PDB file of N, CA and C in Angstrom:
ATOM      1  N   MET A   1     142.853 101.777 121.974  1.00  0.00           N
ATOM      2  CA  MET A   1     142.759 102.005 120.552  1.00  0.00           C
ATOM      3  C   MET A   1     142.829 100.689 119.840  1.00  0.00           C
ATOM      4  N   LYS A   2     141.929 100.480 118.896  1.00  0.00           N
ATOM      5  CA  LYS A   2     141.955  99.216 118.119  1.00  0.00           C
ATOM      6  C   LYS A   2     142.960  99.284 116.988  1.00  0.00           C
ATOM      7  N   MET A   3     143.276  98.121 116.482  1.00  0.00           N
ATOM      8  CA  MET A   3     144.253  97.969 115.441  1.00  0.00           C
ATOM      9  C   MET A   3     143.791  97.127 114.272  1.00  0.00           C
ATOM     10  N   ASP A   4     142.528  97.327 113.886  1.00  0.00           N
ATOM     11  CA  ASP A   4     141.874  96.460 112.902  1.00  0.00           C
ATOM     12  C   ASP A   4     142.039  96.910 111.434  1.00  0.00           C
ATOM     13  N   LEU A   5     142.344  98.204 111.217  1.00  0.00           N
ATOM     14  CA  LEU A   5     142.412  98.725 109.854  1.00  0.00           C
ATOM     15  C   LEU A   5     143.675  98.170 109.178  1.00  0.00           C
ATOM     16  N   ILE A   6     143.511  97.770 107.909  1.00  0.00           N
ATOM     17  CA  ILE A   6     144.665  97.182 107.190  1.00  0.00           C
ATOM     18  C   ILE A   6     145.121  98.043 105.984  1.00  0.00           C
ATOM     19  N   ARG A   7     144.256  99.005 105.582  1.00  0.00           N
ATOM     20  CA  ARG A   7     144.653  99.852 104.479  1.00  0.00           C
ATOM     21  C   ARG A   7     144.194 101.283 104.729  1.00  0.00           C
ATOM     22  N   PRO A   8     144.894 102.280 104.242  1.00  0.00           N
ATOM     23  CA  PRO A   8     144.509 103.674 104.479  1.00  0.00           C
ATOM     24  C   PRO A   8     143.176 103.992 103.907  1.00  0.00           C
ATOM     25  N   CYS A   9     142.451 104.899 104.584  1.00  0.00           N
ATOM     26  CA  CYS A   9     141.156 105.338 104.063  1.00  0.00           C
ATOM     27  C   CYS A   9     141.381 106.307 102.895  1.00  0.00           C
ATOM     28  N   ALA A  10     140.296 106.678 102.270  1.00  0.00           N
ATOM     29  CA  ALA A  10     140.396 107.523 101.036  1.00  0.00           C
ATOM     30  C   ALA A  10     140.969 108.902 101.335  1.00  0.00           C
ATOM     31  N   GLN A  11     140.880 109.381 102.551  1.00  0.00           N
ATOM     32  CA  GLN A  11     141.431 110.689 102.906  1.00  0.00           C
ATOM     33  C   GLN A  11     142.624 110.648 103.848  1.00  0.00           C
ATOM     34  N   CYS A  12     143.297 109.537 103.887  1.00  0.00           N
ATOM     35  CA  CYS A  12     144.436 109.333 104.786  1.00  0.00           C
ATOM     36  C   CYS A  12     145.560 110.326 104.476  1.00  0.00           C
ATOM     37  N   PRO A  13     146.068 111.051 105.456  1.00  0.00           N
ATOM     38  CA  PRO A  13     147.227 111.985 105.186  1.00  0.00           C
ATOM     39  C   PRO A  13     148.516 111.301 104.847  1.00  0.00           C
ATOM     40  N   PHE A  14     148.592 109.955 104.971  1.00  0.00           N
ATOM     41  CA  PHE A  14     149.812 109.243 104.625  1.00  0.00           C
ATOM     42  C   PHE A  14     149.828 108.766 103.150  1.00  0.00           C
ATOM     43  N   ARG A  15     148.680 108.998 102.480  1.00  0.00           N
ATOM     44  CA  ARG A  15     148.603 108.561 101.061  1.00  0.00           C
ATOM     45  C   ARG A  15     149.265 109.631 100.192  1.00  0.00           C
ATOM     46  N   THR A  16     149.903 109.141  99.154  1.00  0.00           N
ATOM     47  CA  THR A  16     150.540 110.057  98.170  1.00  0.00           C
ATOM     48  C   THR A  16     149.865 110.055  96.816  1.00  0.00           C
ATOM     49  N   ASP A  17     148.749 109.274  96.735  1.00  0.00           N
ATOM     50  CA  ASP A  17     148.021 109.199  95.469  1.00  0.00           C
ATOM     51  C   ASP A  17     146.814 110.122  95.476  1.00  0.00           C
ATOM     52  N   ILE A  18     146.665 110.925  96.463  1.00  0.00           N
ATOM     53  CA  ILE A  18     145.605 111.926  96.548  1.00  0.00           C
ATOM     54  C   ILE A  18     146.236 113.284  96.776  1.00  0.00           C
ATOM     55  N   PRO A  19     145.572 114.376  96.454  1.00  0.00           N
ATOM     56  CA  PRO A  19     146.189 115.688  96.630  1.00  0.00           C
ATOM     57  C   PRO A  19     146.544 115.918  98.143  1.00  0.00           C
ATOM     58  N   GLY A  20     147.690 116.509  98.367  1.00  0.00           N
ATOM     59  CA  GLY A  20     148.067 116.850  99.755  1.00  0.00           C
ATOM     60  C   GLY A  20     147.144 117.893 100.289  1.00  0.00           C
ATOM     61  N   PHE A  21     146.706 117.776 101.531  1.00  0.00           N
ATOM     62  CA  PHE A  21     145.788 118.731 102.149  1.00  0.00           C
ATOM     63  C   PHE A  21     146.252 119.282 103.462  1.00  0.00           C
ATOM     64  N   LEU A  22     147.382 118.838 103.942  1.00  0.00           N
ATOM     65  CA  LEU A  22     147.934 119.400 105.174  1.00  0.00           C
ATOM     66  C   LEU A  22     149.096 120.375 104.763  1.00  0.00           C
ATOM     67  N   SER A  23     149.532 121.165 105.723  1.00  0.00           N
ATOM     68  CA  SER A  23     150.735 121.920 105.431  1.00  0.00           C
ATOM     69  C   SER A  23     151.943 121.009 105.683  1.00  0.00           C
ATOM     70  N   ALA A  24     153.063 121.377 105.114  1.00  0.00           N
ATOM     71  CA  ALA A  24     154.297 120.602 105.379  1.00  0.00           C
ATOM     72  C   ALA A  24     154.659 120.630 106.842  1.00  0.00           C
ATOM     73  N   THR A  25     154.403 121.765 107.497  1.00  0.00           N
ATOM     74  CA  THR A  25     154.617 121.868 108.907  1.00  0.00           C
ATOM     75  C   THR A  25     153.799 120.876 109.723  1.00  0.00           C
ATOM     76  N   ARG A  26     152.517 120.771 109.401  1.00  0.00           N
ATOM     77  CA  ARG A  26     151.667 119.830 110.098  1.00  0.00           C
ATOM     78  C   ARG A  26     152.091 118.388 109.861  1.00  0.00           C
ATOM     79  N   MET A  27     152.489 118.068 108.674  1.00  0.00           N
ATOM     80  CA  MET A  27     152.948 116.706 108.369  1.00  0.00           C
ATOM     81  C   MET A  27     154.224 116.420 109.154  1.00  0.00           C
ATOM     82  N   ARG A  28     155.109 117.384 109.267  1.00  0.00           N
ATOM     83  CA  ARG A  28     156.349 117.215 110.044  1.00  0.00           C
ATOM     84  C   ARG A  28     156.018 116.932 111.525  1.00  0.00           C
ATOM     85  N   GLN A  29     155.006 117.670 112.020  1.00  0.00           N
ATOM     86  CA  GLN A  29     154.562 117.477 113.425  1.00  0.00           C
ATOM     87  C   GLN A  29     154.044 116.061 113.624  1.00  0.00           C
ATOM     88  N   ILE A  30     153.243 115.576 112.734  1.00  0.00           N
ATOM     89  CA  ILE A  30     152.687 114.226 112.832  1.00  0.00           C
ATOM     90  C   ILE A  30     153.824 113.215 112.765  1.00  0.00           C
ATOM     91  N   LEU A  31     154.688 113.365 111.798  1.00  0.00           N
ATOM     92  CA  LEU A  31     155.812 112.422 111.663  1.00  0.00           C
ATOM     93  C   LEU A  31     156.738 112.453 112.893  1.00  0.00           C
ATOM     94  N   HIS A  32     156.973 113.620 113.416  1.00  0.00           N
ATOM     95  CA  HIS A  32     157.807 113.700 114.626  1.00  0.00           C
ATOM     96  C   HIS A  32     157.137 112.928 115.786  1.00  0.00           C
ATOM     97  N   ALA A  33     155.859 113.111 115.940  1.00  0.00           N
ATOM     98  CA  ALA A  33     155.137 112.469 117.028  1.00  0.00           C
ATOM     99  C   ALA A  33     155.210 110.909 116.894  1.00  0.00           C
ATOM    100  N   ILE A  34     154.942 110.400 115.689  1.00  0.00           N
ATOM    101  CA  ILE A  34     154.911 108.959 115.560  1.00  0.00           C
ATOM    102  C   ILE A  34     156.299 108.299 115.467  1.00  0.00           C
ATOM    103  N   LEU A  35     157.241 109.010 114.904  1.00  0.00           N
ATOM    104  CA  LEU A  35     158.583 108.443 114.663  1.00  0.00           C
ATOM    105  C   LEU A  35     159.536 108.756 115.831  1.00  0.00           C
ATOM    106  N   ARG A  36     159.398 109.871 116.480  1.00  0.00           N
ATOM    107  CA  ARG A  36     160.342 110.269 117.523  1.00  0.00           C
ATOM    108  C   ARG A  36     159.770 110.159 118.936  1.00  0.00           C
ATOM    109  N   GLU A  37     158.462 110.352 119.091  1.00  0.00           N
ATOM    110  CA  GLU A  37     157.857 110.379 120.414  1.00  0.00           C
ATOM    111  C   GLU A  37     157.072 109.134 120.718  1.00  0.00           C
ATOM    112  N   ASP A  38     157.125 108.133 119.813  1.00  0.00           N
ATOM    113  CA  ASP A  38     156.465 106.849 120.035  1.00  0.00           C
ATOM    114  C   ASP A  38     154.950 106.974 120.174  1.00  0.00           C
ATOM    115  N   ALA A  39     154.393 107.987 119.534  1.00  0.00           N
ATOM    116  CA  ALA A  39     152.967 108.278 119.695  1.00  0.00           C
ATOM    117  C   ALA A  39     152.140 107.392 118.760  1.00  0.00           C
ATOM    118  N   THR A  40     150.904 107.290 119.109  1.00  0.00           N
ATOM    119  CA  THR A  40     149.912 106.601 118.244  1.00  0.00           C
ATOM    120  C   THR A  40     149.269 107.697 117.355  1.00  0.00           C
ATOM    121  N   PHE A  41     148.547 107.292 116.359  1.00  0.00           N
ATOM    122  CA  PHE A  41     147.873 108.232 115.465  1.00  0.00           C
ATOM    123  C   PHE A  41     146.577 107.594 115.081  1.00  0.00           C
ATOM    124  N   SER A  42     145.489 108.117 115.561  1.00  0.00           N
ATOM    125  CA  SER A  42     144.171 107.468 115.306  1.00  0.00           C
ATOM    126  C   SER A  42     143.610 107.970 113.960  1.00  0.00           C
ATOM    127  N   CYS A  43     142.841 107.060 113.324  1.00  0.00           N
ATOM    128  CA  CYS A  43     142.184 107.402 112.058  1.00  0.00           C
ATOM    129  C   CYS A  43     141.066 108.411 112.328  1.00  0.00           C
ATOM    130  N   HIS A  44     141.071 109.504 111.581  1.00  0.00           N
ATOM    131  CA  HIS A  44     140.118 110.593 111.815  1.00  0.00           C
ATOM    132  C   HIS A  44     138.665 110.103 111.642  1.00  0.00           C
ATOM    133  N   LYS A  45     138.460 109.077 110.827  1.00  0.00           N
ATOM    134  CA  LYS A  45     137.116 108.545 110.625  1.00  0.00           C
ATOM    135  C   LYS A  45     136.563 107.775 111.819  1.00  0.00           C
ATOM    136  N   THR A  46     137.441 107.389 112.756  1.00  0.00           N
ATOM    137  CA  THR A  46     136.969 106.591 113.886  1.00  0.00           C
ATOM    138  C   THR A  46     136.924 107.360 115.205  1.00  0.00           C
ATOM    139  N   ASN A  47     137.255 108.627 115.178  1.00  0.00           N
ATOM    140  CA  ASN A  47     137.187 109.474 116.386  1.00  0.00           C
ATOM    141  C   ASN A  47     135.851 110.143 116.499  1.00  0.00           C
ATOM    142  N   GLU A  48     135.582 110.737 117.652  1.00  0.00           N
ATOM    143  CA  GLU A  48     134.411 111.606 117.820  1.00  0.00           C
ATOM    144  C   GLU A  48     134.848 113.044 117.874  1.00  0.00           C
ATOM    145  N   TYR A  49     134.018 113.942 117.401  1.00  0.00           N
ATOM    146  CA  TYR A  49     134.346 115.302 117.352  1.00  0.00           C
ATOM    147  C   TYR A  49     133.254 116.092 118.077  1.00  0.00           C
ATOM    148  N   ASP A  50     133.694 117.093 118.855  1.00  0.00           N
ATOM    149  CA  ASP A  50     132.733 117.938 119.520  1.00  0.00           C
ATOM    150  C   ASP A  50     133.307 119.379 119.557  1.00  0.00           C
ATOM    151  N   HIS A  51     132.682 120.255 120.303  1.00  0.00           N
ATOM    152  CA  HIS A  51     133.125 121.667 120.327  1.00  0.00           C
ATOM    153  C   HIS A  51     134.542 121.819 120.923  1.00  0.00           C
ATOM    154  N   ASP A  52     135.010 120.828 121.666  1.00  0.00           N
ATOM    155  CA  ASP A  52     136.349 120.853 122.228  1.00  0.00           C
ATOM    156  C   ASP A  52     137.428 120.239 121.299  1.00  0.00           C
ATOM    157  N   GLY A  53     136.981 119.679 120.170  1.00  0.00           N
ATOM    158  CA  GLY A  53     137.918 119.090 119.267  1.00  0.00           C
ATOM    159  C   GLY A  53     137.723 117.595 119.102  1.00  0.00           C
ATOM    160  N   VAL A  54     138.780 116.940 118.840  1.00  0.00           N
ATOM    161  CA  VAL A  54     138.758 115.487 118.585  1.00  0.00           C
ATOM    162  C   VAL A  54     138.930 114.719 119.891  1.00  0.00           C
ATOM    163  N   ARG A  55     138.227 113.568 119.919  1.00  0.00           N
ATOM    164  CA  ARG A  55     138.288 112.724 121.112  1.00  0.00           C
ATOM    165  C   ARG A  55     138.344 111.271 120.680  1.00  0.00           C
ATOM    166  N   GLU A  56     139.349 110.556 121.127  1.00  0.00           N
ATOM    167  CA  GLU A  56     139.442 109.143 120.876  1.00  0.00           C
ATOM    168  C   GLU A  56     138.439 108.439 121.796  1.00  0.00           C
ATOM    169  N   THR A  57     137.868 107.332 121.283  1.00  0.00           N
ATOM    170  CA  THR A  57     136.921 106.568 122.020  1.00  0.00           C
ATOM    171  C   THR A  57     137.314 105.113 122.022  1.00  0.00           C
ATOM    172  N   SER A  58     136.553 104.254 122.684  1.00  0.00           N
ATOM    173  CA  SER A  58     136.871 102.851 122.679  1.00  0.00           C
ATOM    174  C   SER A  58     136.794 102.224 121.310  1.00  0.00           C
ATOM    175  N   SER A  59     136.113 102.907 120.400  1.00  0.00           N
ATOM    176  CA  SER A  59     136.023 102.394 118.985  1.00  0.00           C
ATOM    177  C   SER A  59     137.050 102.996 118.060  1.00  0.00           C
ATOM    178  N   SER A  60     137.875 103.943 118.556  1.00  0.00           N
ATOM    179  CA  SER A  60     138.891 104.542 117.723  1.00  0.00           C
ATOM    180  C   SER A  60     139.854 103.465 117.212  1.00  0.00           C
ATOM    181  N   GLN A  61     140.277 103.669 115.982  1.00  0.00           N
ATOM    182  CA  GLN A  61     141.262 102.756 115.342  1.00  0.00           C
ATOM    183  C   GLN A  61     142.579 103.469 115.112  1.00  0.00           C
ATOM    184  N   HIS A  62     143.661 102.745 115.202  1.00  0.00           N
ATOM    185  CA  HIS A  62     144.925 103.342 114.778  1.00  0.00           C
ATOM    186  C   HIS A  62     144.909 103.472 113.268  1.00  0.00           C
ATOM    187  N   CYS A  63     145.435 104.626 112.781  1.00  0.00           N
ATOM    188  CA  CYS A  63     145.473 104.891 111.357  1.00  0.00           C
ATOM    189  C   CYS A  63     146.269 103.836 110.620  1.00  0.00           C
ATOM    190  N   ALA A  64     145.670 103.215 109.610  1.00  0.00           N
ATOM    191  CA  ALA A  64     146.414 102.195 108.837  1.00  0.00           C
ATOM    192  C   ALA A  64     147.611 102.797 108.061  1.00  0.00           C
ATOM    193  N   GLY A  65     147.442 104.012 107.587  1.00  0.00           N
ATOM    194  CA  GLY A  65     148.535 104.675 106.879  1.00  0.00           C
ATOM    195  C   GLY A  65     149.733 104.824 107.794  1.00  0.00           C
ATOM    196  N   ALA A  66     149.505 105.235 109.029  1.00  0.00           N
ATOM    197  CA  ALA A  66     150.593 105.410 110.008  1.00  0.00           C
ATOM    198  C   ALA A  66     151.204 104.052 110.343  1.00  0.00           C
ATOM    199  N   LEU A  67     150.359 103.036 110.496  1.00  0.00           N
ATOM    200  CA  LEU A  67     150.890 101.676 110.745  1.00  0.00           C
ATOM    201  C   LEU A  67     151.830 101.202 109.637  1.00  0.00           C
ATOM    202  N   ILE A  68     151.396 101.411 108.419  1.00  0.00           N
ATOM    203  CA  ILE A  68     152.186 100.998 107.242  1.00  0.00           C
ATOM    204  C   ILE A  68     153.522 101.784 107.198  1.00  0.00           C
ATOM    205  N   LEU A  69     153.440 103.051 107.404  1.00  0.00           N
ATOM    206  CA  LEU A  69     154.645 103.889 107.413  1.00  0.00           C
ATOM    207  C   LEU A  69     155.608 103.415 108.489  1.00  0.00           C
ATOM    208  N   LEU A  70     155.116 103.182 109.697  1.00  0.00           N
ATOM    209  CA  LEU A  70     155.940 102.769 110.784  1.00  0.00           C
ATOM    210  C   LEU A  70     156.539 101.372 110.538  1.00  0.00           C
ATOM    211  N   GLU A  71     155.766 100.470 109.947  1.00  0.00           N
ATOM    212  CA  GLU A  71     156.295  99.140 109.683  1.00  0.00           C
ATOM    213  C   GLU A  71     157.364  99.210 108.581  1.00  0.00           C
ATOM    214  N   ARG A  72     157.163 100.022 107.566  1.00  0.00           N
ATOM    215  CA  ARG A  72     158.124 100.178 106.462  1.00  0.00           C
ATOM    216  C   ARG A  72     159.432 100.777 106.986  1.00  0.00           C
ATOM    217  N   GLN A  73     159.319 101.635 107.982  1.00  0.00           N
ATOM    218  CA  GLN A  73     160.484 102.268 108.600  1.00  0.00           C
ATOM    219  C   GLN A  73     161.122 101.393 109.652  1.00  0.00           C
ATOM    220  N   ASN A  74     160.538 100.220 109.936  1.00  0.00           N
ATOM    221  CA  ASN A  74     160.931  99.285 110.949  1.00  0.00           C
ATOM    222  C   ASN A  74     160.978 100.001 112.318  1.00  0.00           C
ATOM    223  N   ARG A  75     159.922 100.810 112.570  1.00  0.00           N
ATOM    224  CA  ARG A  75     159.830 101.617 113.807  1.00  0.00           C
ATOM    225  C   ARG A  75     158.445 101.496 114.415  1.00  0.00           C
ATOM    226  N   PRO A  76     157.962 100.281 114.669  1.00  0.00           N
ATOM    227  CA  PRO A  76     156.627 100.152 115.295  1.00  0.00           C
ATOM    228  C   PRO A  76     156.613 100.900 116.628  1.00  0.00           C
ATOM    229  N   ASN A  77     155.496 101.576 116.920  1.00  0.00           N
ATOM    230  CA  ASN A  77     155.412 102.298 118.181  1.00  0.00           C
ATOM    231  C   ASN A  77     155.102 101.341 119.315  1.00  0.00           C
ATOM    232  N   GLN A  78     155.148 101.837 120.532  1.00  0.00           N
ATOM    233  CA  GLN A  78     154.963 100.971 121.719  1.00  0.00           C
ATOM    234  C   GLN A  78     153.638 100.263 121.677  1.00  0.00           C
ATOM    235  N   TRP A  79     152.564 100.985 121.277  1.00  0.00           N
ATOM    236  CA  TRP A  79     151.233 100.366 121.243  1.00  0.00           C
ATOM    237  C   TRP A  79     151.198  99.259 120.224  1.00  0.00           C
ATOM    238  N   MET A  80     151.835  99.412 119.079  1.00  0.00           N
ATOM    239  CA  MET A  80     151.935  98.331 118.068  1.00  0.00           C
ATOM    240  C   MET A  80     152.606  97.136 118.647  1.00  0.00           C
ATOM    241  N   ARG A  81     153.723  97.329 119.346  1.00  0.00           N
ATOM    242  CA  ARG A  81     154.480  96.224 119.905  1.00  0.00           C
ATOM    243  C   ARG A  81     153.697  95.476 120.959  1.00  0.00           C
ATOM    244  N   ILE A  82     153.039  96.210 121.824  1.00  0.00           N
ATOM    245  CA  ILE A  82     152.211  95.563 122.883  1.00  0.00           C
ATOM    246  C   ILE A  82     151.029  94.851 122.258  1.00  0.00           C
ATOM    247  N   ALA A  83     150.353  95.501 121.349  1.00  0.00           N
ATOM    248  CA  ALA A  83     149.142  94.903 120.708  1.00  0.00           C
ATOM    249  C   ALA A  83     149.554  93.628 119.986  1.00  0.00           C
ATOM    250  N   GLU A  84     150.709  93.593 119.358  1.00  0.00           N
ATOM    251  CA  GLU A  84     151.130  92.415 118.642  1.00  0.00           C
ATOM    252  C   GLU A  84     151.395  91.305 119.626  1.00  0.00           C
ATOM    253  N   ARG A  85     152.056  91.597 120.732  1.00  0.00           N
ATOM    254  CA  ARG A  85     152.344  90.564 121.701  1.00  0.00           C
ATOM    255  C   ARG A  85     151.103  89.925 122.326  1.00  0.00           C
ATOM    256  N   ILE A  86     150.024  90.708 122.502  1.00  0.00           N
ATOM    257  CA  ILE A  86     148.815  90.179 123.129  1.00  0.00           C
ATOM    258  C   ILE A  86     147.790  89.705 122.084  1.00  0.00           C
ATOM    259  N   GLY A  87     148.205  89.740 120.796  1.00  0.00           N
ATOM    260  CA  GLY A  87     147.367  89.167 119.738  1.00  0.00           C
ATOM    261  C   GLY A  87     146.270  90.127 119.225  1.00  0.00           C
ATOM    262  N   CYS A  88     146.448  91.414 119.438  1.00  0.00           N
ATOM    263  CA  CYS A  88     145.472  92.414 118.975  1.00  0.00           C
ATOM    264  C   CYS A  88     145.876  93.098 117.719  1.00  0.00           C
ATOM    265  N   TYR A  89     147.057  92.737 117.207  1.00  0.00           N
ATOM    266  CA  TYR A  89     147.565  93.394 115.978  1.00  0.00           C
ATOM    267  C   TYR A  89     148.417  92.402 115.236  1.00  0.00           C
ATOM    268  N   ASP A  90     148.189  92.288 113.904  1.00  0.00           N
ATOM    269  CA  ASP A  90     148.918  91.388 113.094  1.00  0.00           C
ATOM    270  C   ASP A  90     149.460  92.204 111.884  1.00  0.00           C
ATOM    271  N   ARG A  91     150.716  92.518 111.965  1.00  0.00           N
ATOM    272  CA  ARG A  91     151.301  93.360 110.877  1.00  0.00           C
ATOM    273  C   ARG A  91     151.236  92.671 109.516  1.00  0.00           C
ATOM    274  N   THR A  92     151.159  91.366 109.428  1.00  0.00           N
ATOM    275  CA  THR A  92     151.096  90.668 108.145  1.00  0.00           C
ATOM    276  C   THR A  92     149.807  90.929 107.417  1.00  0.00           C
ATOM    277  N   ARG A  93     148.806  91.456 108.109  1.00  0.00           N
ATOM    278  CA  ARG A  93     147.508  91.746 107.445  1.00  0.00           C
ATOM    279  C   ARG A  93     147.537  93.116 106.721  1.00  0.00           C
ATOM    280  N   LEU A  94     148.470  93.973 107.039  1.00  0.00           N
ATOM    281  CA  LEU A  94     148.523  95.299 106.461  1.00  0.00           C
ATOM    282  C   LEU A  94     148.726  95.223 104.939  1.00  0.00           C
ATOM    283  N   ASP A  95     148.093  96.128 104.240  1.00  0.00           N
ATOM    284  CA  ASP A  95     148.260  96.252 102.795  1.00  0.00           C
ATOM    285  C   ASP A  95     149.531  97.063 102.527  1.00  0.00           C
ATOM    286  N   MET A  96     150.662  96.351 102.474  1.00  0.00           N
ATOM    287  CA  MET A  96     151.974  97.028 102.344  1.00  0.00           C
ATOM    288  C   MET A  96     152.154  97.581 100.936  1.00  0.00           C
ATOM    289  N   ASP A  97     151.221  97.284 100.011  1.00  0.00           N
ATOM    290  CA  ASP A  97     151.303  97.868  98.666  1.00  0.00           C
ATOM    291  C   ASP A  97     150.500  99.194  98.586  1.00  0.00           C
ATOM    292  N   ALA A  98     149.935  99.589  99.681  1.00  0.00           N
ATOM    293  CA  ALA A  98     149.141 100.867  99.695  1.00  0.00           C
ATOM    294  C   ALA A  98     150.086 102.044  99.367  1.00  0.00           C
ATOM    295  N   PRO A  99     149.502 103.071  98.758  1.00  0.00           N
ATOM    296  CA  PRO A  99     150.299 104.261  98.359  1.00  0.00           C
ATOM    297  C   PRO A  99     150.620 105.192  99.550  1.00  0.00           C
ATOM    298  N   VAL A 100     151.441 104.638 100.422  1.00  0.00           N
ATOM    299  CA  VAL A 100     151.908 105.417 101.614  1.00  0.00           C
ATOM    300  C   VAL A 100     153.347 105.818 101.349  1.00  0.00           C
ATOM    301  N   GLY A 101     153.587 107.127 101.529  1.00  0.00           N
ATOM    302  CA  GLY A 101     154.932 107.643 101.203  1.00  0.00           C
ATOM    303  C   GLY A 101     155.908 107.511 102.379  1.00  0.00           C
ATOM    304  N   THR A 102     157.126 107.774 102.081  1.00  0.00           N
ATOM    305  CA  THR A 102     158.182 107.856 103.105  1.00  0.00           C
ATOM    306  C   THR A 102     158.017 109.187 103.810  1.00  0.00           C
ATOM    307  N   PRO A 103     158.600 109.383 104.929  1.00  0.00           N
ATOM    308  CA  PRO A 103     158.539 110.717 105.632  1.00  0.00           C
ATOM    309  C   PRO A 103     158.886 111.852 104.707  1.00  0.00           C
ATOM    310  N   ARG A 104     160.004 111.741 103.982  1.00  0.00           N
ATOM    311  CA  ARG A 104     160.432 112.795 103.106  1.00  0.00           C
ATOM    312  C   ARG A 104     159.395 113.066 101.995  1.00  0.00           C
ATOM    313  N   GLU A 105     158.893 111.967 101.412  1.00  0.00           N
ATOM    314  CA  GLU A 105     157.872 112.126 100.347  1.00  0.00           C
ATOM    315  C   GLU A 105     156.597 112.775 100.892  1.00  0.00           C
ATOM    316  N   LEU A 106     156.211 112.475 102.092  1.00  0.00           N
ATOM    317  CA  LEU A 106     155.000 113.006 102.679  1.00  0.00           C
ATOM    318  C   LEU A 106     155.099 114.505 102.951  1.00  0.00           C
ATOM    319  N   VAL A 107     156.282 114.933 103.450  1.00  0.00           N
ATOM    320  CA  VAL A 107     156.465 116.335 103.692  1.00  0.00           C
ATOM    321  C   VAL A 107     156.444 117.113 102.356  1.00  0.00           C
ATOM    322  N   ALA A 108     157.118 116.568 101.327  1.00  0.00           N
ATOM    323  CA  ALA A 108     157.104 117.231 100.003  1.00  0.00           C
ATOM    324  C   ALA A 108     155.712 117.227  99.431  1.00  0.00           C
ATOM    325  N   HIS A 109     154.994 116.111  99.566  1.00  0.00           N
ATOM    326  CA  HIS A 109     153.642 115.959  98.973  1.00  0.00           C
ATOM    327  C   HIS A 109     152.698 117.014  99.579  1.00  0.00           C
ATOM    328  N   HIS A 110     152.704 117.145 100.905  1.00  0.00           N
ATOM    329  CA  HIS A 110     151.829 118.101 101.552  1.00  0.00           C
ATOM    330  C   HIS A 110     152.364 119.513 101.395  1.00  0.00           C
ATOM    331  N   GLY A 111     153.683 119.690 101.265  1.00  0.00           N
ATOM    332  CA  GLY A 111     154.265 120.993 101.002  1.00  0.00           C
ATOM    333  C   GLY A 111     153.916 121.563  99.665  1.00  0.00           C
ATOM    334  N   ALA A 112     153.624 120.672  98.688  1.00  0.00           N
ATOM    335  CA  ALA A 112     153.269 121.105  97.339  1.00  0.00           C
ATOM    336  C   ALA A 112     151.994 121.932  97.392  1.00  0.00           C
ATOM    337  N   ARG A 113     151.150 121.643  98.365  1.00  0.00           N
ATOM    338  CA  ARG A 113     149.928 122.390  98.552  1.00  0.00           C
ATOM    339  C   ARG A 113     150.191 123.893  98.809  1.00  0.00           C
ATOM    340  N   GLN A 114     151.229 124.115  99.647  1.00  0.00           N
ATOM    341  CA  GLN A 114     151.604 125.506  99.932  1.00  0.00           C
ATOM    342  C   GLN A 114     152.184 126.182  98.741  1.00  0.00           C
ATOM    343  N   GLU A 115     153.023 125.430  98.024  1.00  0.00           N
ATOM    344  CA  GLU A 115     153.669 126.031  96.849  1.00  0.00           C
ATOM    345  C   GLU A 115     152.677 126.336  95.716  1.00  0.00           C
ATOM    346  N   ALA A 116     151.573 125.617  95.703  1.00  0.00           N
ATOM    347  CA  ALA A 116     150.545 125.821  94.689  1.00  0.00           C
ATOM    348  C   ALA A 116     149.626 127.017  95.102  1.00  0.00           C
ATOM    349  N   GLY A 117     149.829 127.558  96.293  1.00  0.00           N
ATOM    350  CA  GLY A 117     149.028 128.663  96.726  1.00  0.00           C
ATOM    351  C   GLY A 117     147.702 128.261  97.370  1.00  0.00           C
ATOM    352  N   ALA A 118     147.536 127.028  97.738  1.00  0.00           N
ATOM    353  CA  ALA A 118     146.321 126.564  98.347  1.00  0.00           C
ATOM    354  C   ALA A 118     146.180 127.026  99.767  1.00  0.00           C
TER     355      ALA A 118
END
């Protein structure tokens, strides 16, 4: 997985300046995976999709929103740490001013979708 993205895409689930589109439950699952299970999270725009679902490829990128959240929480995942050591990731290039919420803000942000009846 590549680590070249430096800012969240227009539809990034980690952004709080766009309407929430996931359920609070799904956001909690994503946060648990990246914060507790040391998982990576690829950008949906860089994956391939087929009848079996999503598939990461050699051109898949780590989600910039997830990178920013993890760096702000001081919890880089294993892939981030390894990629940084071998020169494939530079955290100083990230747009740390991007509208990425905290875990609590993200759950509330996406949970508002359910409360609104969406």
